[in-house]
Amino acid sequence: MIKARRFGHATFETTDLDRDIAYYENVVGLSLVARDQRRAFLATEVGQLAIALEQGGAQRCTRLSFEVSPELDLRDAARRLAERGILSDIVSDPVPGVAQMLTFSDPKGSVIELFSRWEFVRTSGAVSGARPNKLGHLAFVVPDPKAMAEFYIETLGFAVADWIEDWFVFLRCCSDHHTVNFVQGPANRIHHIAFELRDSSHAHLACDILGRNGIQIAWGPVRHGPGHNIATYHRNAAGHLVEMFIDMDEMVDETLGYYEPRPWHRDRPQRPKVWTGLPRDIWGQPPTPEFTRERE
């Protein structure tokens, strides 16, 4: 098994590269660090690559990258994958700040990119938008969340953070409550992308930025049950749901097996579990039709 340690960046195919660059710069607050006619790369304020964009014929997430131990030899990792019947490739200089990546596909067709060494990228400094700490997590709609969870657990060392009944699984690879989520649905597609903010005043500022850009909040603010993060959601111009959140649960000590105690936890201590029934959220209004509607 290979152990993913941290979420790196996500790659999105887009039908309008300039539009999506403008959104991630002016609304999310990422800095453009490199681009050509068909690709663009955007990083957080501290210089961690967060989003890659590729011109194409669809609006979809195509790749997820994860950092692994710097002591892991990618060739050895490729051999481990081959023993599981998973074909992989090692690519050189795939994105700014990363010299090598090991790539392979997960069962839903997304390309997984693993890297063991990286460098901060140089940003332009002055950017507008919310300016998040980091890319926090991605959620996908898949026909079989259980099978997808098993692949990520057995192949990449993820752990189950929580389930909502048997149709929504939260997985983590680090201390954060979740890094990748899978919710049951008829076809593979992205559900939402999420960025971590610093605190409540930062979340307030992010909502004001959405308002100034004429973007309506599709859900929130709400404090969720699983993960207990305070979240707001909106749709970007590509049609993807985007979450901005604070206060996510953390499991600081794996041996103890519970999330760091917080006053809003219903369980003492709060351990990974299966959530059933309503309401699951601690407070907040239910999602709007804009949040729940299906898009072509």
C-alpha atoms as a PDB file:
ATOM      1  CA  MET A   1       0.000   0.000   0.000  1.00  0.00           C
ATOM      2  CA  ILE A   2       1.101   3.571  -0.746  1.00  0.00           C
ATOM      3  CA  LYS A   3       0.225   6.201   1.883  1.00  0.00           C
ATOM      4  CA  ALA A   4      -1.062   9.533   0.606  1.00  0.00           C
ATOM      5  CA  ARG A   5      -0.054  12.238   3.114  1.00  0.00           C
ATOM      6  CA  ARG A   6      -1.512  15.492   1.780  1.00  0.00           C
ATOM      7  CA  PHE A   7      -3.806  16.780  -0.943  1.00  0.00           C
ATOM      8  CA  GLY A   8      -1.841  18.546  -3.651  1.00  0.00           C
ATOM      9  CA  HIS A   9      -3.774  20.124  -6.506  1.00  0.00           C
ATOM     10  CA  ALA A  10      -6.733  19.308  -8.749  1.00  0.00           C
ATOM     11  CA  THR A  11      -6.877  19.557 -12.536  1.00  0.00           C
ATOM     12  CA  PHE A  12     -10.031  20.692 -14.328  1.00  0.00           C
ATOM     13  CA  GLU A  13     -10.886  20.494 -17.988  1.00  0.00           C
ATOM     14  CA  THR A  14     -12.690  23.645 -19.108  1.00  0.00           C
ATOM     15  CA  THR A  15     -14.364  24.936 -22.243  1.00  0.00           C
ATOM     16  CA  ASP A  16     -13.313  28.522 -21.425  1.00  0.00           C
ATOM     17  CA  LEU A  17      -9.807  28.863 -20.031  1.00  0.00           C
ATOM     18  CA  ASP A  18      -9.814  32.672 -19.697  1.00  0.00           C
ATOM     19  CA  ARG A  19     -13.159  32.676 -17.861  1.00  0.00           C
ATOM     20  CA  ASP A  20     -12.020  30.117 -15.316  1.00  0.00           C
ATOM     21  CA  ILE A  21      -8.657  31.816 -14.750  1.00  0.00           C
ATOM     22  CA  ALA A  22     -10.528  35.046 -13.991  1.00  0.00           C
ATOM     23  CA  TYR A  23     -12.795  33.234 -11.505  1.00  0.00           C
ATOM     24  CA  TYR A  24      -9.960  31.570  -9.592  1.00  0.00           C
ATOM     25  CA  GLU A  25      -7.988  34.824  -9.496  1.00  0.00           C
ATOM     26  CA  ASN A  26     -10.735  37.344  -8.706  1.00  0.00           C
ATOM     27  CA  VAL A  27     -13.164  35.286  -6.612  1.00  0.00           C
ATOM     28  CA  VAL A  28     -11.210  32.443  -5.017  1.00  0.00           C
ATOM     29  CA  GLY A  29      -8.028  34.504  -4.773  1.00  0.00           C
ATOM     30  CA  LEU A  30      -5.407  32.230  -6.294  1.00  0.00           C
ATOM     31  CA  SER A  31      -2.355  33.537  -8.135  1.00  0.00           C
ATOM     32  CA  LEU A  32      -1.631  32.630 -11.749  1.00  0.00           C
ATOM     33  CA  VAL A  33       1.908  31.193 -11.821  1.00  0.00           C
ATOM     34  CA  ALA A  34       2.132  29.838 -15.384  1.00  0.00           C
ATOM     35  CA  ARG A  35       0.016  29.489 -18.499  1.00  0.00           C
ATOM     36  CA  ASP A  36       0.103  28.790 -22.201  1.00  0.00           C
ATOM     37  CA  GLN A  37      -2.634  28.600 -24.835  1.00  0.00           C
ATOM     38  CA  ARG A  38      -4.149  25.414 -23.410  1.00  0.00           C
ATOM     39  CA  ARG A  39      -3.100  25.204 -19.729  1.00  0.00           C
ATOM     40  CA  ALA A  40      -2.909  27.395 -16.646  1.00  0.00           C
ATOM     41  CA  PHE A  41      -1.641  26.825 -13.110  1.00  0.00           C
ATOM     42  CA  LEU A  42      -2.799  28.711 -10.014  1.00  0.00           C
ATOM     43  CA  ALA A  43      -1.367  28.679  -6.496  1.00  0.00           C
ATOM     44  CA  THR A  44      -2.283  29.851  -3.028  1.00  0.00           C
ATOM     45  CA  GLU A  45      -0.797  32.947  -1.428  1.00  0.00           C
ATOM     46  CA  VAL A  46       2.049  30.934   0.098  1.00  0.00           C
ATOM     47  CA  GLY A  47       2.999  29.340  -3.218  1.00  0.00           C
ATOM     48  CA  GLN A  48       1.371  25.903  -3.076  1.00  0.00           C
ATOM     49  CA  LEU A  49      -0.090  24.789  -6.392  1.00  0.00           C
ATOM     50  CA  ALA A  50      -3.868  24.361  -5.994  1.00  0.00           C
ATOM     51  CA  ILE A  51      -5.604  24.359  -9.393  1.00  0.00           C
ATOM     52  CA  ALA A  52      -4.549  23.362 -12.893  1.00  0.00           C
ATOM     53  CA  LEU A  53      -6.806  24.189 -15.843  1.00  0.00           C
ATOM     54  CA  GLU A  54      -6.750  22.541 -19.267  1.00  0.00           C
ATOM     55  CA  GLN A  55      -8.671  23.706 -22.323  1.00  0.00           C
ATOM     56  CA  GLY A  56     -11.025  20.976 -23.552  1.00  0.00           C
ATOM     57  CA  GLY A  57     -14.525  20.061 -24.577  1.00  0.00           C
ATOM     58  CA  ALA A  58     -16.104  19.482 -21.169  1.00  0.00           C
ATOM     59  CA  GLN A  59     -16.409  20.917 -17.655  1.00  0.00           C
ATOM     60  CA  ARG A  60     -14.974  18.234 -15.379  1.00  0.00           C
ATOM     61  CA  CYS A  61     -12.306  17.325 -12.873  1.00  0.00           C
ATOM     62  CA  THR A  62      -9.759  15.043 -14.517  1.00  0.00           C
ATOM     63  CA  ARG A  63      -6.842  14.698 -12.062  1.00  0.00           C
ATOM     64  CA  LEU A  64      -6.098  14.669  -8.331  1.00  0.00           C
ATOM     65  CA  SER A  65      -2.608  14.896  -6.886  1.00  0.00           C
ATOM     66  CA  PHE A  66      -1.367  13.745  -3.493  1.00  0.00           C
ATOM     67  CA  GLU A  67       1.935  14.135  -1.708  1.00  0.00           C
ATOM     68  CA  VAL A  68       3.565  10.954  -0.400  1.00  0.00           C
ATOM     69  CA  SER A  69       6.569  10.486   1.883  1.00  0.00           C
ATOM     70  CA  PRO A  70       9.786  12.046   0.536  1.00  0.00           C
ATOM     71  CA  GLU A  71      11.445   8.713   1.367  1.00  0.00           C
ATOM     72  CA  LEU A  72       9.186   6.829  -1.063  1.00  0.00           C
ATOM     73  CA  ASP A  73      10.857   5.918  -4.345  1.00  0.00           C
ATOM     74  CA  LEU A  74       8.279   6.412  -7.093  1.00  0.00           C
ATOM     75  CA  ARG A  75       9.681   3.434  -9.005  1.00  0.00           C
ATOM     76  CA  ASP A  76       9.096   1.261  -5.950  1.00  0.00           C
ATOM     77  CA  ALA A  77       5.570   2.667  -5.703  1.00  0.00           C
ATOM     78  CA  ALA A  78       5.002   1.743  -9.362  1.00  0.00           C
ATOM     79  CA  ARG A  79       6.048  -1.830  -8.590  1.00  0.00           C
ATOM     80  CA  ARG A  80       3.584  -1.964  -5.687  1.00  0.00           C
ATOM     81  CA  LEU A  81       0.801  -0.780  -7.976  1.00  0.00           C
ATOM     82  CA  ALA A  82       1.752  -3.348 -10.599  1.00  0.00           C
ATOM     83  CA  GLU A  83       1.417  -6.090  -7.976  1.00  0.00           C
ATOM     84  CA  ARG A  84      -2.207  -4.950  -7.607  1.00  0.00           C
ATOM     85  CA  GLY A  85      -2.733  -4.982 -11.363  1.00  0.00           C
ATOM     86  CA  ILE A  86      -2.636  -1.178 -11.668  1.00  0.00           C
ATOM     87  CA  LEU A  87      -0.692   0.289 -14.586  1.00  0.00           C
ATOM     88  CA  SER A  88       1.216   3.499 -13.911  1.00  0.00           C
ATOM     89  CA  ASP A  89       3.676   5.923 -15.504  1.00  0.00           C
ATOM     90  CA  ILE A  90       6.357   8.242 -14.160  1.00  0.00           C
ATOM     91  CA  VAL A  91       6.275  11.677 -15.806  1.00  0.00           C
ATOM     92  CA  SER A  92       8.855  14.458 -15.574  1.00  0.00           C
ATOM     93  CA  ASP A  93       8.187  18.164 -14.952  1.00  0.00           C
ATOM     94  CA  PRO A  94       4.399  17.784 -15.202  1.00  0.00           C
ATOM     95  CA  VAL A  95       3.476  20.958 -13.279  1.00  0.00           C
ATOM     96  CA  PRO A  96       5.302  23.942 -11.761  1.00  0.00           C
ATOM     97  CA  GLY A  97       7.204  22.990  -8.615  1.00  0.00           C
ATOM     98  CA  VAL A  98       7.110  19.209  -9.144  1.00  0.00           C
ATOM     99  CA  ALA A  99       9.922  17.368 -10.932  1.00  0.00           C
ATOM    100  CA  GLN A 100       8.340  13.893 -11.080  1.00  0.00           C
ATOM    101  CA  MET A 101       4.946  12.305 -10.630  1.00  0.00           C
ATOM    102  CA  LEU A 102       3.663   8.764 -10.617  1.00  0.00           C
ATOM    103  CA  THR A 103       0.318   8.621 -12.451  1.00  0.00           C
ATOM    104  CA  PHE A 104      -2.418   5.988 -12.638  1.00  0.00           C
ATOM    105  CA  SER A 105      -6.214   5.919 -12.880  1.00  0.00           C
ATOM    106  CA  ASP A 106      -8.799   5.247 -10.200  1.00  0.00           C
ATOM    107  CA  PRO A 107     -11.956   3.184 -10.958  1.00  0.00           C
ATOM    108  CA  LYS A 108     -13.998   6.224 -12.034  1.00  0.00           C
ATOM    109  CA  GLY A 109     -11.379   7.287 -14.564  1.00  0.00           C
ATOM    110  CA  SER A 110      -9.754  10.170 -12.678  1.00  0.00           C
ATOM    111  CA  VAL A 111      -5.972  10.292 -12.988  1.00  0.00           C
ATOM    112  CA  ILE A 112      -4.195  10.092  -9.623  1.00  0.00           C
ATOM    113  CA  GLU A 113      -0.846  11.884  -9.477  1.00  0.00           C
ATOM    114  CA  LEU A 114       1.593  11.096  -6.649  1.00  0.00           C
ATOM    115  CA  PHE A 115       4.641  13.225  -5.886  1.00  0.00           C
ATOM    116  CA  SER A 116       7.254  12.858  -3.159  1.00  0.00           C
ATOM    117  CA  ARG A 117       9.199  16.111  -3.560  1.00  0.00           C
ATOM    118  CA  TRP A 118       8.068  19.587  -4.492  1.00  0.00           C
ATOM    119  CA  GLU A 119       8.960  23.269  -4.267  1.00  0.00           C
ATOM    120  CA  PHE A 120       6.951  26.383  -3.526  1.00  0.00           C
ATOM    121  CA  VAL A 121       6.169  28.301  -6.700  1.00  0.00           C
ATOM    122  CA  ARG A 122       6.709  32.010  -7.120  1.00  0.00           C
ATOM    123  CA  THR A 123       3.440  33.984  -7.026  1.00  0.00           C
ATOM    124  CA  SER A 124       2.685  37.516  -8.138  1.00  0.00           C
ATOM    125  CA  GLY A 125       2.029  38.609  -4.542  1.00  0.00           C
ATOM    126  CA  ALA A 126      -0.885  41.028  -4.895  1.00  0.00           C
ATOM    127  CA  VAL A 127      -4.117  39.150  -5.672  1.00  0.00           C
ATOM    128  CA  SER A 128      -7.780  39.878  -5.069  1.00  0.00           C
ATOM    129  CA  GLY A 129     -10.430  37.369  -4.056  1.00  0.00           C
ATOM    130  CA  ALA A 130     -10.812  35.337  -0.876  1.00  0.00           C
ATOM    131  CA  ARG A 131      -7.195  34.012  -0.796  1.00  0.00           C
ATOM    132  CA  PRO A 132      -7.749  30.629   0.902  1.00  0.00           C
ATOM    133  CA  ASN A 133      -5.209  28.752   2.993  1.00  0.00           C
ATOM    134  CA  LYS A 134      -5.320  25.722   0.743  1.00  0.00           C
ATOM    135  CA  LEU A 135      -7.349  23.412  -1.441  1.00  0.00           C
ATOM    136  CA  GLY A 136      -9.145  21.361   1.201  1.00  0.00           C
ATOM    137  CA  HIS A 137     -11.085  18.547  -0.439  1.00  0.00           C
ATOM    138  CA  LEU A 138     -13.037  17.303  -3.439  1.00  0.00           C
ATOM    139  CA  ALA A 139     -16.279  15.350  -3.542  1.00  0.00           C
ATOM    140  CA  PHE A 140     -17.480  13.159  -6.400  1.00  0.00           C
ATOM    141  CA  VAL A 141     -20.762  11.534  -7.384  1.00  0.00           C
ATOM    142  CA  VAL A 142     -20.210   7.831  -8.121  1.00  0.00           C
ATOM    143  CA  PRO A 143     -22.560   4.851  -8.550  1.00  0.00           C
ATOM    144  CA  ASP A 144     -20.834   2.799  -5.795  1.00  0.00           C
ATOM    145  CA  PRO A 145     -19.286   4.837  -2.945  1.00  0.00           C
ATOM    146  CA  LYS A 146     -18.316   1.696  -1.026  1.00  0.00           C
ATOM    147  CA  ALA A 147     -16.250   0.276  -3.888  1.00  0.00           C
ATOM    148  CA  MET A 148     -14.587   3.640  -4.485  1.00  0.00           C
ATOM    149  CA  ALA A 149     -13.764   3.976  -0.784  1.00  0.00           C
ATOM    150  CA  GLU A 150     -12.219   0.517  -0.752  1.00  0.00           C
ATOM    151  CA  PHE A 151      -9.931   1.455  -3.660  1.00  0.00           C
ATOM    152  CA  TYR A 152      -8.674   4.615  -1.933  1.00  0.00           C
ATOM    153  CA  ILE A 153      -8.224   2.800   1.391  1.00  0.00           C
ATOM    154  CA  GLU A 154      -6.412  -0.234  -0.039  1.00  0.00           C
ATOM    155  CA  THR A 155      -4.349   1.619  -2.670  1.00  0.00           C
ATOM    156  CA  LEU A 156      -3.576   4.979  -1.056  1.00  0.00           C
ATOM    157  CA  GLY A 157      -3.978   4.358   2.667  1.00  0.00           C
ATOM    158  CA  PHE A 158      -7.018   6.593   3.199  1.00  0.00           C
ATOM    159  CA  ALA A 159      -9.150   6.109   6.314  1.00  0.00           C
ATOM    160  CA  VAL A 160     -12.911   6.411   6.718  1.00  0.00           C
ATOM    161  CA  ALA A 161     -13.738   9.632   8.536  1.00  0.00           C
ATOM    162  CA  ASP A 162     -17.533   9.188   8.560  1.00  0.00           C
ATOM    163  CA  TRP A 163     -20.433   7.757   6.564  1.00  0.00           C
ATOM    164  CA  ILE A 164     -23.864   9.270   6.009  1.00  0.00           C
ATOM    165  CA  GLU A 165     -25.940   6.102   6.054  1.00  0.00           C
ATOM    166  CA  ASP A 166     -24.665   3.991   3.127  1.00  0.00           C
ATOM    167  CA  TRP A 167     -24.628   6.628   0.395  1.00  0.00           C
ATOM    168  CA  PHE A 168     -22.004   9.256   1.346  1.00  0.00           C
ATOM    169  CA  VAL A 169     -18.483   8.435   2.552  1.00  0.00           C
ATOM    170  CA  PHE A 170     -15.877  10.875   3.875  1.00  0.00           C
ATOM    171  CA  LEU A 171     -12.227   9.808   3.535  1.00  0.00           C
ATOM    172  CA  ARG A 172      -9.090  11.342   5.019  1.00  0.00           C
ATOM    173  CA  CYS A 173      -5.376  10.996   4.340  1.00  0.00           C
ATOM    174  CA  CYS A 174      -4.094  13.458   6.947  1.00  0.00           C
ATOM    175  CA  SER A 175      -5.375  15.057  10.150  1.00  0.00           C
ATOM    176  CA  ASP A 176      -8.187  16.877   8.289  1.00  0.00           C
ATOM    177  CA  HIS A 177     -11.567  15.168   8.665  1.00  0.00           C
ATOM    178  CA  HIS A 178     -11.911  14.623   4.921  1.00  0.00           C
ATOM    179  CA  THR A 179      -9.857  15.011   1.767  1.00  0.00           C
ATOM    180  CA  VAL A 180     -11.966  13.060  -0.748  1.00  0.00           C
ATOM    181  CA  ASN A 181     -15.701  12.277  -0.532  1.00  0.00           C
ATOM    182  CA  PHE A 182     -17.941  10.011  -2.577  1.00  0.00           C
ATOM    183  CA  VAL A 183     -21.724  10.390  -2.740  1.00  0.00           C
ATOM    184  CA  GLN A 184     -23.984   7.922  -4.506  1.00  0.00           C
ATOM    185  CA  GLY A 185     -25.473   8.926  -7.847  1.00  0.00           C
ATOM    186  CA  PRO A 186     -26.207   7.532 -11.303  1.00  0.00           C
ATOM    187  CA  ALA A 187     -23.021   8.669 -13.067  1.00  0.00           C
ATOM    188  CA  ASN A 188     -19.458   9.761 -12.287  1.00  0.00           C
ATOM    189  CA  ARG A 189     -19.063  13.527 -11.924  1.00  0.00           C
ATOM    190  CA  ILE A 190     -17.657  16.101  -9.551  1.00  0.00           C
ATOM    191  CA  HIS A 191     -19.946  17.079  -6.669  1.00  0.00           C
ATOM    192  CA  HIS A 192     -17.985  19.993  -5.179  1.00  0.00           C
ATOM    193  CA  ILE A 193     -14.536  21.457  -4.620  1.00  0.00           C
ATOM    194  CA  ALA A 194     -13.619  23.043  -1.275  1.00  0.00           C
ATOM    195  CA  PHE A 195     -11.129  25.651  -0.077  1.00  0.00           C
ATOM    196  CA  GLU A 196     -10.095  26.186   3.547  1.00  0.00           C
ATOM    197  CA  LEU A 197     -10.309  29.701   5.002  1.00  0.00           C
ATOM    198  CA  ARG A 198      -8.666  30.950   8.200  1.00  0.00           C
ATOM    199  CA  ASP A 199     -11.468  31.974  10.553  1.00  0.00           C
ATOM    200  CA  SER A 200     -14.967  33.471  10.815  1.00  0.00           C
ATOM    201  CA  SER A 201     -13.883  36.942   9.686  1.00  0.00           C
ATOM    202  CA  HIS A 202     -12.245  35.394   6.627  1.00  0.00           C
ATOM    203  CA  ALA A 203     -15.475  33.495   5.872  1.00  0.00           C
ATOM    204  CA  HIS A 204     -17.404  36.770   6.212  1.00  0.00           C
ATOM    205  CA  LEU A 205     -15.014  38.458   3.777  1.00  0.00           C
ATOM    206  CA  ALA A 206     -15.403  35.571   1.303  1.00  0.00           C
ATOM    207  CA  CYS A 207     -19.190  36.032   1.320  1.00  0.00           C
ATOM    208  CA  ASP A 208     -18.756  39.757   0.663  1.00  0.00           C
ATOM    209  CA  ILE A 209     -16.488  38.932  -2.291  1.00  0.00           C
ATOM    210  CA  LEU A 210     -19.153  36.626  -3.700  1.00  0.00           C
ATOM    211  CA  GLY A 211     -21.695  39.428  -3.338  1.00  0.00           C
ATOM    212  CA  ARG A 212     -19.467  41.966  -5.082  1.00  0.00           C
ATOM    213  CA  ASN A 213     -19.104  39.551  -7.986  1.00  0.00           C
ATOM    214  CA  GLY A 214     -22.847  38.933  -8.249  1.00  0.00           C
ATOM    215  CA  ILE A 215     -22.553  35.308  -7.106  1.00  0.00           C
ATOM    216  CA  GLN A 216     -25.400  33.983  -4.976  1.00  0.00           C
ATOM    217  CA  ILE A 217     -24.821  31.609  -2.081  1.00  0.00           C
ATOM    218  CA  ALA A 218     -26.384  28.234  -2.897  1.00  0.00           C
ATOM    219  CA  TRP A 219     -26.180  26.937   0.681  1.00  0.00           C
ATOM    220  CA  GLY A 220     -24.913  28.277   3.966  1.00  0.00           C
ATOM    221  CA  PRO A 221     -23.510  29.368   6.180  1.00  0.00           C
ATOM    222  CA  VAL A 222     -24.139  26.030   7.858  1.00  0.00           C
ATOM    223  CA  ARG A 223     -22.264  23.967  10.445  1.00  0.00           C
ATOM    224  CA  HIS A 224     -22.261  20.439   9.175  1.00  0.00           C
ATOM    225  CA  GLY A 225     -22.537  17.309  11.292  1.00  0.00           C
ATOM    226  CA  PRO A 226     -19.860  15.114   9.637  1.00  0.00           C
ATOM    227  CA  GLY A 227     -16.659  17.134   9.854  1.00  0.00           C
ATOM    228  CA  HIS A 228     -18.396  19.975  11.743  1.00  0.00           C
ATOM    229  CA  ASN A 229     -16.985  22.545   9.302  1.00  0.00           C
ATOM    230  CA  ILE A 230     -18.820  25.839   8.823  1.00  0.00           C
ATOM    231  CA  ALA A 231     -19.417  26.048   5.074  1.00  0.00           C
ATOM    232  CA  THR A 232     -20.877  28.203   2.347  1.00  0.00           C
ATOM    233  CA  TYR A 233     -21.408  26.953  -1.206  1.00  0.00           C
ATOM    234  CA  HIS A 234     -21.777  28.696  -4.549  1.00  0.00           C
ATOM    235  CA  ARG A 235     -21.590  27.727  -8.226  1.00  0.00           C
ATOM    236  CA  ASN A 236     -18.787  29.028 -10.366  1.00  0.00           C
ATOM    237  CA  ALA A 237     -19.115  29.911 -14.043  1.00  0.00           C
ATOM    238  CA  ALA A 238     -18.169  26.363 -15.033  1.00  0.00           C
ATOM    239  CA  GLY A 239     -21.180  25.064 -13.099  1.00  0.00           C
ATOM    240  CA  HIS A 240     -19.182  23.406 -10.307  1.00  0.00           C
ATOM    241  CA  LEU A 241     -20.218  23.759  -6.676  1.00  0.00           C
ATOM    242  CA  VAL A 242     -17.490  25.468  -4.665  1.00  0.00           C
ATOM    243  CA  GLU A 243     -17.337  25.295  -0.866  1.00  0.00           C
ATOM    244  CA  MET A 244     -15.424  27.686   1.378  1.00  0.00           C
ATOM    245  CA  PHE A 245     -15.079  26.399   4.928  1.00  0.00           C
ATOM    246  CA  ILE A 246     -13.546  26.871   8.372  1.00  0.00           C
ATOM    247  CA  ASP A 247     -13.446  24.836  11.618  1.00  0.00           C
ATOM    248  CA  MET A 248     -13.109  21.348  10.150  1.00  0.00           C
ATOM    249  CA  ASP A 249     -12.560  18.494  12.612  1.00  0.00           C
ATOM    250  CA  GLU A 250      -9.011  17.213  12.983  1.00  0.00           C
ATOM    251  CA  MET A 251      -7.739  13.872  14.232  1.00  0.00           C
ATOM    252  CA  VAL A 252      -4.441  14.938  15.749  1.00  0.00           C
ATOM    253  CA  ASP A 253      -3.556  11.545  17.236  1.00  0.00           C
ATOM    254  CA  GLU A 254      -4.419   8.445  15.199  1.00  0.00           C
ATOM    255  CA  THR A 255      -3.791   6.189  18.212  1.00  0.00           C
ATOM    256  CA  LEU A 256      -6.478   7.921  20.258  1.00  0.00           C
ATOM    257  CA  GLY A 257      -8.921   7.599  17.372  1.00  0.00           C
ATOM    258  CA  TYR A 258     -11.142  10.612  18.083  1.00  0.00           C
ATOM    259  CA  TYR A 259     -11.350  14.117  16.683  1.00  0.00           C
ATOM    260  CA  GLU A 260     -10.031  17.013  18.744  1.00  0.00           C
ATOM    261  CA  PRO A 261     -12.867  17.817  21.215  1.00  0.00           C
ATOM    262  CA  ARG A 262     -14.989  20.850  20.373  1.00  0.00           C
ATOM    263  CA  PRO A 263     -18.024  22.359  22.161  1.00  0.00           C
ATOM    264  CA  TRP A 264     -20.327  21.680  19.191  1.00  0.00           C
ATOM    265  CA  HIS A 265     -19.655  17.916  19.076  1.00  0.00           C
ATOM    266  CA  ARG A 266     -22.728  15.807  19.812  1.00  0.00           C
ATOM    267  CA  ASP A 267     -20.611  12.804  20.825  1.00  0.00           C
ATOM    268  CA  ARG A 268     -17.996  12.955  23.578  1.00  0.00           C
ATOM    269  CA  PRO A 269     -15.531  11.988  22.192  1.00  0.00           C
ATOM    270  CA  GLN A 270     -16.400  12.369  18.508  1.00  0.00           C
ATOM    271  CA  ARG A 271     -15.206   9.283  16.660  1.00  0.00           C
ATOM    272  CA  PRO A 272     -15.738   8.180  13.046  1.00  0.00           C
ATOM    273  CA  LYS A 273     -19.284   6.851  12.746  1.00  0.00           C
ATOM    274  CA  VAL A 274     -22.307   6.345  10.520  1.00  0.00           C
ATOM    275  CA  TRP A 275     -24.636   9.370  10.639  1.00  0.00           C
ATOM    276  CA  THR A 276     -28.336   8.580  10.275  1.00  0.00           C
ATOM    277  CA  GLY A 277     -31.500  10.621  10.406  1.00  0.00           C
ATOM    278  CA  LEU A 278     -32.144  14.358  10.310  1.00  0.00           C
ATOM    279  CA  PRO A 279     -31.112  16.951  11.220  1.00  0.00           C
ATOM    280  CA  ARG A 280     -27.461  16.065  10.686  1.00  0.00           C
ATOM    281  CA  ASP A 281     -26.245  19.647  10.530  1.00  0.00           C
ATOM    282  CA  ILE A 282     -25.644  21.397  13.840  1.00  0.00           C
ATOM    283  CA  TRP A 283     -27.249  24.627  12.638  1.00  0.00           C
ATOM    284  CA  GLY A 284     -28.132  26.438   9.424  1.00  0.00           C
ATOM    285  CA  GLN A 285     -30.828  26.430   6.769  1.00  0.00           C
ATOM    286  CA  PRO A 286     -31.300  23.495   4.362  1.00  0.00           C
ATOM    287  CA  PRO A 287     -29.699  23.685   0.897  1.00  0.00           C
ATOM    288  CA  THR A 288     -31.424  25.718  -1.786  1.00  0.00           C
ATOM    289  CA  PRO A 289     -32.691  24.283  -5.097  1.00  0.00           C
ATOM    290  CA  GLU A 290     -29.610  25.831  -6.724  1.00  0.00           C
ATOM    291  CA  PHE A 291     -27.418  23.583  -4.604  1.00  0.00           C
ATOM    292  CA  THR A 292     -29.349  20.414  -5.281  1.00  0.00           C
ATOM    293  CA  ARG A 293     -30.211  20.848  -8.963  1.00  0.00           C
ATOM    294  CA  GLU A 294     -28.579  18.597 -11.542  1.00  0.00           C
ATOM    295  CA  ARG A 295     -26.591  20.185 -14.340  1.00  0.00           C
ATOM    296  CA  GLU A 296     -25.953  18.843 -17.810  1.00  0.00           C
END
